[in-house]
Amino acid sequence: MLLGYSTAARICAVSEGVNKSGVSRPSAPFFADFEQRCPNLRRLHLSNANLKAPLPASVEFLALSESWLSPSGWPASRFDAESQTVTLPRLTEVELVGVKLRKGTMAALPASVERLKIRNTSLPENCFLRLSQSDPADQAVVSASRLAEIDLSDSSQLTSLDAYNITKAWPHVTTIKLNRCINAFSSPHVLHIHNNLDGVEVLEANDVWLCDRYIRRFCRKFRTLRRLSVAGSQLNTHRAWSIVEKLTKLESLDVSGCRQLHRVAFFLFAKLKPTLRFLDVSDTNVDSGTVDVLRLWMPDCEVVH
């Protein structure tokens, strides 16, 4: 096992070895008294681990790679019977890369988590199923979830069903990132990703192929969007019109690298003048004269060329 600590044990990196069969060594004994040994731990990076025992409640950032994760591995909330109150762990940000999720793992995600990043991690439906719903305190924690941002970018294994399951589990997120998630957009079922998302304000779908049907559906459902980035997504004039017509609250729009846009499409963006404050048209076919006109028409908008 390779273990590293920072000053005052606030940061820790752990990498476990494997036995001859390639299976991670049991990590439960190591983590059982982790909180007593590292009471001030804030950031924890784990690789090649088999996480079953609860992490210290002090951990604020967890990065887990090439590992196994069980529901019991999350920092636990604590119920004070005398005061009848629930104290949440401090964990606010989680990154999972190449992690195997056991049944109920995502359902047990601490309600304190605000940002969740997942890459190359399979999301079977059973990982969203709760193992037990008998604890009233636990139910209170679940209903108070603070998760606001889900980043699924660069997940080559992500399917439309995975994306559907995760957005169904947390329909209240305000930021969702699907950059370079090609497989997630390879099936018509991608249209169901956002059926439960009514308050999304930030959407990133860079470097993916978005056909007319996808764009129309996104624009119809995501009318609350304030920031949209579709850089390198082969946006054309017809799809640009859908954005301008439906997303009337946009404050930031990134269409950089969209070389299929014609000159007239860029003038369409001027219809967003009342709210738009940032427009990135770099690495496109737009000419400097058109950019000058846009800047004249939208003096309150920063146009990047």
Protein backbone atom coordinates (compact mmCIF):
# COMPACT_ATOMS: atom_id res chain seq x y z
CA MET A 1 0.00 0.00 0.00
CA LEU A 2 1.24 3.46 -0.90
CA LEU A 3 0.14 6.16 1.50
CA GLY A 4 0.83 9.87 1.53
CA TYR A 5 -0.14 12.58 4.01
CA SER A 6 0.07 16.36 3.85
CA THR A 7 0.68 18.81 6.67
CA ALA A 8 -1.62 18.17 9.63
CA ALA A 9 -3.08 15.20 7.73
CA ARG A 10 -5.46 17.40 5.75
CA ILE A 11 -4.70 15.70 2.42
CA CYS A 12 -4.18 11.99 1.88
CA ALA A 13 -3.45 9.82 -1.16
CA VAL A 14 -3.82 6.07 -0.88
CA SER A 15 -3.04 3.42 -3.49
CA GLU A 16 -3.48 -0.20 -2.54
CA GLY A 17 -1.63 -3.11 -4.05
CA VAL A 18 -3.24 -6.22 -5.52
CA ASN A 19 -2.73 -9.88 -4.84
CA LYS A 20 -1.77 -12.51 -7.42
CA SER A 21 -5.36 -12.91 -8.59
CA GLY A 22 -5.58 -9.18 -9.31
CA VAL A 23 -8.09 -8.51 -6.54
CA SER A 24 -7.63 -5.52 -4.26
CA ARG A 25 -6.50 -6.32 -0.75
CA PRO A 26 -9.20 -5.89 1.90
CA SER A 27 -9.31 -2.25 2.93
CA ALA A 28 -11.96 -2.37 5.66
CA PRO A 29 -9.40 -2.89 8.47
CA PHE A 30 -7.38 0.08 7.24
CA PHE A 31 -10.36 2.42 7.06
CA ALA A 32 -12.06 1.20 10.23
CA ASP A 33 -10.13 3.60 12.47
CA PHE A 34 -9.19 6.11 9.77
CA GLU A 35 -11.16 8.90 11.43
CA GLN A 36 -9.29 8.49 14.72
CA ARG A 37 -5.92 8.57 12.96
CA CYS A 38 -6.78 11.44 10.62
CA PRO A 39 -9.37 13.62 12.38
CA ASN A 40 -8.53 16.70 10.27
CA LEU A 41 -8.58 15.00 6.87
CA ARG A 42 -10.10 17.25 4.18
CA ARG A 43 -9.06 15.86 0.77
CA LEU A 44 -8.73 12.14 0.05
CA HIS A 45 -7.49 10.48 -3.16
CA LEU A 46 -7.93 6.69 -3.37
CA SER A 47 -6.93 4.32 -6.16
CA ASN A 48 -7.17 0.54 -6.44
CA ALA A 49 -9.16 0.42 -3.21
CA ASN A 50 -12.06 -1.64 -1.93
CA LEU A 51 -13.98 0.94 0.06
CA LYS A 52 -16.48 -0.57 2.48
CA ALA A 53 -15.93 1.17 5.83
CA PRO A 54 -17.22 4.75 6.27
CA LEU A 55 -14.75 7.51 5.51
CA PRO A 56 -14.06 10.23 8.10
CA ALA A 57 -16.86 12.78 8.39
CA SER A 58 -14.24 15.53 7.98
CA VAL A 59 -13.51 14.66 4.31
CA GLU A 60 -14.69 17.42 1.96
CA PHE A 61 -13.29 16.13 -1.36
CA LEU A 62 -13.06 12.48 -2.46
CA ALA A 63 -11.38 11.26 -5.65
CA LEU A 64 -11.74 7.53 -6.24
CA SER A 65 -10.23 5.70 -9.21
CA GLU A 66 -10.03 2.08 -10.38
CA SER A 67 -11.72 0.93 -7.21
CA TRP A 68 -14.78 -0.72 -5.70
CA LEU A 69 -17.28 1.36 -3.74
CA SER A 70 -20.01 0.14 -1.40
CA PRO A 71 -22.89 2.14 0.13
CA SER A 72 -21.20 1.80 3.52
CA GLY A 73 -18.08 3.52 2.20
CA TRP A 74 -19.60 7.00 2.21
CA PRO A 75 -19.05 9.25 5.24
CA ALA A 76 -22.02 8.67 7.50
CA SER A 77 -24.57 11.21 8.69
CA ARG A 78 -25.06 11.22 12.44
CA PHE A 79 -28.35 11.32 14.28
CA ASP A 80 -28.43 12.86 17.73
CA ALA A 81 -31.31 11.20 19.58
CA GLU A 82 -31.30 13.82 22.33
CA SER A 83 -31.62 16.84 20.05
CA GLN A 84 -33.43 14.92 17.29
CA THR A 85 -31.15 16.45 14.68
CA VAL A 86 -29.10 15.03 11.80
CA THR A 87 -25.50 16.16 11.26
CA LEU A 88 -24.34 15.74 7.69
CA PRO A 89 -20.76 14.84 6.74
CA ARG A 90 -18.66 17.62 5.18
CA LEU A 91 -18.26 15.86 1.83
CA THR A 92 -19.21 18.30 -0.94
CA GLU A 93 -17.32 17.10 -4.03
CA VAL A 94 -16.83 13.58 -5.41
CA GLU A 95 -14.92 12.32 -8.47
CA LEU A 96 -15.34 8.71 -9.58
CA VAL A 97 -13.09 7.39 -12.35
CA GLY A 98 -13.27 3.75 -13.40
CA VAL A 99 -15.12 2.76 -10.22
CA LYS A 100 -17.23 -0.38 -9.72
CA LEU A 101 -20.41 0.58 -7.90
CA ARG A 102 -22.12 -2.01 -5.74
CA LYS A 103 -25.87 -2.18 -5.25
CA GLY A 104 -27.28 0.89 -3.51
CA THR A 105 -24.06 2.92 -3.76
CA MET A 106 -25.43 5.99 -5.54
CA ALA A 107 -28.66 5.90 -3.55
CA ALA A 108 -26.53 6.30 -0.42
CA LEU A 109 -24.62 9.33 -1.73
CA PRO A 110 -24.43 11.79 1.21
CA ALA A 111 -26.91 14.65 0.93
CA SER A 112 -24.04 17.08 1.57
CA VAL A 113 -22.50 16.41 -1.87
CA GLU A 114 -22.92 19.39 -4.21
CA ARG A 115 -20.73 18.39 -7.17
CA LEU A 116 -20.44 14.90 -8.64
CA LYS A 117 -18.07 13.96 -11.44
CA ILE A 118 -18.24 10.51 -13.03
CA ARG A 119 -15.99 9.16 -15.78
CA ASN A 120 -15.74 5.67 -17.27
CA THR A 121 -17.84 4.26 -14.48
CA SER A 122 -20.71 1.91 -15.21
CA LEU A 123 -23.99 3.02 -13.62
CA PRO A 124 -26.19 -0.08 -13.28
CA GLU A 125 -29.76 0.56 -12.25
CA ASN A 126 -29.32 -1.32 -8.96
CA CYS A 127 -26.72 1.19 -7.73
CA PHE A 128 -29.59 3.71 -7.47
CA LEU A 129 -31.78 1.37 -5.40
CA ARG A 130 -31.91 1.98 -1.68
CA LEU A 131 -30.96 -1.01 0.46
CA SER A 132 -33.18 0.08 3.34
CA GLN A 133 -35.85 2.70 3.77
CA SER A 134 -36.66 2.04 7.42
CA ASP A 135 -34.53 4.75 9.05
CA PRO A 136 -36.47 8.05 9.37
CA ALA A 137 -33.25 10.01 9.88
CA ASP A 138 -31.80 8.53 6.71
CA GLN A 139 -34.90 9.50 4.76
CA ALA A 140 -34.61 13.09 5.97
CA VAL A 141 -31.06 13.22 4.67
CA VAL A 142 -32.08 11.92 1.26
CA SER A 143 -34.83 14.52 0.83
CA ALA A 144 -32.40 17.33 1.66
CA SER A 145 -29.92 16.51 -1.11
CA ARG A 146 -27.79 19.49 -2.17
CA LEU A 147 -26.46 18.01 -5.41
CA ALA A 148 -26.38 20.82 -7.96
CA GLU A 149 -23.79 19.76 -10.56
CA ILE A 150 -23.32 16.48 -12.41
CA ASP A 151 -20.30 16.21 -14.70
CA LEU A 152 -20.31 13.14 -16.97
CA SER A 153 -17.76 14.55 -19.43
CA ASP A 154 -15.26 12.28 -21.18
CA SER A 155 -17.14 9.14 -20.18
CA SER A 156 -16.55 6.93 -23.20
CA GLN A 157 -18.64 4.15 -21.64
CA LEU A 158 -21.59 6.36 -20.73
CA THR A 159 -24.82 5.25 -22.37
CA SER A 160 -28.10 7.08 -22.71
CA LEU A 161 -29.58 4.70 -20.09
CA ASP A 162 -26.82 5.62 -17.63
CA ALA A 163 -27.50 9.31 -18.17
CA TYR A 164 -31.23 8.73 -17.76
CA ASN A 165 -30.76 6.86 -14.47
CA ILE A 166 -28.53 9.51 -12.95
CA THR A 167 -30.70 12.47 -13.96
CA LYS A 168 -33.77 10.63 -12.75
CA ALA A 169 -32.10 10.12 -9.37
CA TRP A 170 -31.28 13.85 -9.02
CA PRO A 171 -33.80 15.84 -11.07
CA HIS A 172 -33.07 19.04 -9.14
CA VAL A 173 -29.53 19.57 -10.53
CA THR A 174 -28.86 22.97 -12.06
CA THR A 175 -25.66 22.12 -13.98
CA ILE A 176 -25.11 19.11 -16.22
CA LYS A 177 -22.02 18.46 -18.34
CA LEU A 178 -21.99 15.89 -21.15
CA ASN A 179 -18.89 16.99 -23.05
CA ARG A 180 -17.52 14.38 -25.45
CA CYS A 181 -20.04 11.75 -24.29
CA ILE A 182 -20.47 10.37 -27.79
CA ASN A 183 -22.16 7.10 -26.81
CA ALA A 184 -24.77 8.92 -24.75
CA PHE A 185 -25.94 10.68 -27.91
CA SER A 186 -25.82 7.66 -30.20
CA SER A 187 -29.37 6.50 -29.46
CA PRO A 188 -32.80 8.16 -29.68
CA HIS A 189 -33.17 7.28 -25.98
CA VAL A 190 -30.95 10.26 -25.22
CA LEU A 191 -34.14 12.29 -25.48
CA HIS A 192 -35.18 10.86 -22.12
CA ILE A 193 -32.08 12.12 -20.31
CA HIS A 194 -33.75 15.36 -19.36
CA ASN A 195 -37.40 14.35 -18.90
CA ASN A 196 -37.12 15.01 -15.16
CA LEU A 197 -34.93 18.10 -15.34
CA ASP A 198 -36.92 21.29 -14.98
CA GLY A 199 -34.45 23.71 -13.40
CA VAL A 200 -31.22 23.26 -15.35
CA GLU A 201 -29.39 26.55 -15.77
CA VAL A 202 -26.07 25.33 -17.21
CA LEU A 203 -25.70 22.74 -19.97
CA GLU A 204 -22.44 21.73 -21.61
CA ALA A 205 -22.51 19.38 -24.60
CA ASN A 206 -19.24 20.13 -26.36
CA ASP A 207 -17.81 17.94 -29.12
CA VAL A 208 -20.86 15.74 -29.54
CA TRP A 209 -23.12 15.33 -32.55
CA LEU A 210 -26.50 16.95 -31.93
CA CYS A 211 -29.08 16.39 -34.63
CA ASP A 212 -32.08 18.68 -35.16
CA ARG A 213 -34.33 16.50 -33.03
CA TYR A 214 -31.95 16.57 -30.05
CA ILE A 215 -31.55 20.35 -30.23
CA ARG A 216 -35.31 20.93 -30.47
CA ARG A 217 -35.97 18.70 -27.48
CA PHE A 218 -33.22 20.27 -25.39
CA CYS A 219 -34.47 23.76 -26.19
CA ARG A 220 -38.08 22.90 -25.42
CA LYS A 221 -37.28 21.33 -22.04
CA PHE A 222 -34.41 23.56 -20.92
CA ARG A 223 -36.11 26.95 -21.12
CA THR A 224 -34.47 27.88 -17.79
CA LEU A 225 -30.96 27.70 -19.30
CA ARG A 226 -28.72 30.65 -18.57
CA ARG A 227 -25.49 29.18 -19.94
CA LEU A 228 -25.18 26.87 -22.93
CA SER A 229 -22.00 25.50 -24.47
CA VAL A 230 -22.19 23.42 -27.65
CA ALA A 231 -18.67 24.05 -28.94
CA GLY A 232 -17.62 21.73 -31.74
CA SER A 233 -21.08 20.17 -31.93
CA GLN A 234 -21.73 20.81 -35.63
CA LEU A 235 -24.41 23.37 -34.93
CA ASN A 236 -26.02 24.67 -38.11
CA THR A 237 -28.29 27.63 -38.86
CA HIS A 238 -31.51 25.66 -38.37
CA ARG A 239 -30.40 24.43 -34.95
CA ALA A 240 -29.20 27.92 -34.02
CA TRP A 241 -32.72 29.21 -34.71
CA SER A 242 -34.14 26.69 -32.21
CA ILE A 243 -31.75 28.02 -29.57
CA VAL A 244 -32.65 31.64 -30.23
CA GLU A 245 -36.38 30.95 -30.35
CA LYS A 246 -36.68 28.86 -27.18
CA LEU A 247 -33.81 29.81 -24.85
CA THR A 248 -34.75 33.40 -24.17
CA LYS A 249 -32.97 33.55 -20.79
CA LEU A 250 -29.49 32.77 -22.08
CA GLU A 251 -26.71 34.88 -20.59
CA SER A 252 -23.78 32.92 -22.06
CA LEU A 253 -23.54 31.00 -25.34
CA ASP A 254 -20.50 29.15 -26.69
CA VAL A 255 -20.70 28.01 -30.32
CA SER A 256 -16.95 28.01 -30.96
CA GLY A 257 -15.75 25.42 -33.45
CA CYS A 258 -19.19 25.16 -35.07
CA ARG A 259 -18.04 25.58 -38.66
CA GLN A 260 -21.40 24.72 -40.23
CA LEU A 261 -22.89 28.02 -39.11
CA HIS A 262 -23.58 30.45 -41.96
CA ARG A 263 -23.40 34.25 -41.75
CA VAL A 264 -27.14 34.63 -41.17
CA ALA A 265 -26.97 32.36 -38.12
CA PHE A 266 -24.70 34.78 -36.30
CA PHE A 267 -27.15 37.62 -36.86
CA LEU A 268 -29.83 35.43 -35.28
CA PHE A 269 -27.95 35.55 -31.99
CA ALA A 270 -28.68 39.28 -31.82
CA LYS A 271 -32.26 38.31 -30.88
CA LEU A 272 -30.83 37.29 -27.49
CA LYS A 273 -29.71 40.86 -26.86
CA PRO A 274 -31.93 41.44 -23.77
CA THR A 275 -30.14 38.78 -21.72
CA LEU A 276 -26.98 37.63 -23.54
CA ARG A 277 -23.76 38.89 -21.96
CA PHE A 278 -21.19 36.50 -23.47
CA LEU A 279 -20.98 34.97 -26.96
CA ASP A 280 -18.05 32.85 -28.17
CA VAL A 281 -17.89 32.52 -31.97
CA SER A 282 -14.17 31.73 -32.20
CA ASP A 283 -12.90 29.08 -34.62
CA THR A 284 -15.97 29.43 -36.85
CA ASN A 285 -16.47 30.77 -40.37
CA VAL A 286 -17.74 34.14 -39.18
CA ASP A 287 -16.02 37.15 -40.72
CA SER A 288 -14.75 40.14 -38.77
CA GLY A 289 -17.38 42.42 -40.35
CA THR A 290 -20.21 40.30 -38.95
CA VAL A 291 -18.55 40.29 -35.53
CA ASP A 292 -18.31 44.09 -35.63
CA VAL A 293 -22.03 44.34 -36.40
CA LEU A 294 -22.88 41.97 -33.54
CA ARG A 295 -20.83 44.04 -31.12
CA LEU A 296 -22.61 47.16 -32.33
CA TRP A 297 -26.04 45.60 -31.95
CA MET A 298 -25.23 44.04 -28.57
CA PRO A 299 -23.08 46.55 -26.67
CA ASP A 300 -23.69 44.77 -23.36
CA CYS A 301 -22.48 41.41 -24.71
CA GLU A 302 -18.84 40.34 -24.88
CA VAL A 303 -18.36 38.75 -28.32
CA VAL A 304 -15.26 36.54 -28.51
CA HIS A 305 -13.89 35.97 -32.01
